Amino acid sequence: VGKASSPPFPRYLRKLTPHRQTQPKFIDRMTFLQGLEEKELIVLVGLPGSGKLSIAAKLERFLAWRGYSTKLFRSTSFRLSAHLDPAEFHSCPPDLDAQRWQEILEWFHAASEGEIAIYVGCNGTAAVRAAILELFGRHHVRVLFVESSVDPSRIMQSIDRLVRSEHSESECEGEGGASGRSADLNLKKLSVSSTLALSPAEVARKQLYAECLTQCKEWYEALQSGEAESCYSYMQVINFGDQVVMNELSGYLQSQVVNLVMNYHVQHRYIYASRHGESLANTKKLLGGDSNLSAEGVRYSRALAAFVQSQKDLQGVPIWTSRLRRTIQTVAHLRESHSDVRHLQSLNEIFAGVCEGMTYAQIEAELPEEFAARAKDKLRYRYLGGGESYFDLLARVTPLIVELGRIRNTVLIVGHQAVLRAIVGYYTAVGIRELPYLSVPLHTLIRLEPTLYGCIEKRYTMDLDRFEAGEAVYWTETEAYHSHTC
């Protein structure tokens, strides 16, 4: 009697190395974070109107999205200046902000996973910066200074944007930071490109900030104003990213900060994002794979092309897709009008390992332990057989996020559910635990409009029957504002 034959080796594992076959079921959080050996404090430095809060909000959003426990703190005078006369707080160098510094230290110690604090204030004298370095150094906290420096000719434009935002930001604080405010809020006033005339109240505020700026210049000391600061870890961002100067930077985290801040700019643009049209795998509720579009997906491809061609801001824009057939086929009707079409590996859907080509019902029946593990921790769960977790996906998408921060023109992205959750979740500041559940439905185009202190999100839900009927407007729109500072 011959030996009983063993079951065939799963086809999904045949080309995988033993190392990939034995990956842990849950990715270790610190393996994902990499290189954070001690607590870190990022200190924003700069004159009023230099964009400190905008840079700080961008850093907080990025680091939280990457999985770091991050919190933004504003100096006492910085918080009050939005509600009272700025001149009262900047007519002379501010005192040491011992109260706020103590709050930061308490947060580091009270929150067992508190890792990165971002402190926003003028911090405009060498004495203040030396005191910060000395205090936090005693508590084994690394300090990185980030100074924003803006030419006088451009700083008043920045103050225009600052005073436009104050009313909306105060409303945000009053509403507990809820995103998606009431419809009467003029979201466009927060846009970088807003050309609306200033209201009388905003003109008055602008004058106060101009006076404050004049007073601050009398005592402000730029970084490296003395030999003592030449050994500090710092970077100077000049004219909103036109030039960046770095000094004594080291470690993985600081390199990530550099990559992000080097690409900082305030140019207005849109990021459009859509899932592919419905695929044949979608009709069967199968995970992953590389199937073609269904008939409904082809209809969406035509509807998307007609929409793009009807929008002035989408004419000839670069198009990014994954390397999978369903995204490439979704933009097939745009190739003649858009010459810059790129197919990027980083936009591929999350890899489901041995679960590729299965339904969730099949996974629950055939791999109950895997099904339960994924349900328990969808963020950290890594699919069996060399699959990915959402943490793996975020690491893969990070260079794409940095590139999106660098480009200054509108772009259209056609991708997949998980990867678009990562991108949309980043811009809308969705908590990392909620990110795997973010709604990104089929046949919906999402427009992201980054602003100084948040993001305006507009969703266009396509009605394919109305499109086929020849209606000029075959979509419905919804809009929400997501604050990054409240």
Foldseek 3Di string as FASTA:
>chain_A
DDDDDDPDDQPLQPPPDPVLQPDDQFDDLDVLVPWQPAAAEEEEAEAPLLLRQLLLLLVQLLCLLLPAQEDEEEAPLVVCVLPDQNCVQQLDDHDQRVVRLVVLVCCPVVPVRHGYYYYYDNCFDPVNVVVSCVVVVVVVYAYEYEYGAEDPVCSLLSLLLVLLCSVVVVVCVVVVQDWFDDPVDPVCSQALPDPDDDDPVSVVNSVSSVVSRVSNVVRGDDAPSDPVRQCHFYKYAYNQQPDIDTGNDDTDVSVLSCLQSNQGHRFWEKEKEAAFFAFPCVVVQFPDDQGARDPRRLLLLVVVQLVLVVDPQNFQAAEEEAPGRRQVSSPVVVCVRHVHYYHHPLQADFFQASRGGHHLVCCCVPPVVLSVVCVVQQQRGAHRHSTGGLSRSLVSCSVVLSVVSRDNYYYYYYGHDSNVLSVVCSQLSPRNSCSVVDDRDHQKMWMWIHGSFHIKIKIWRADSVCVVVPDPRGTDMDIMIHGSND
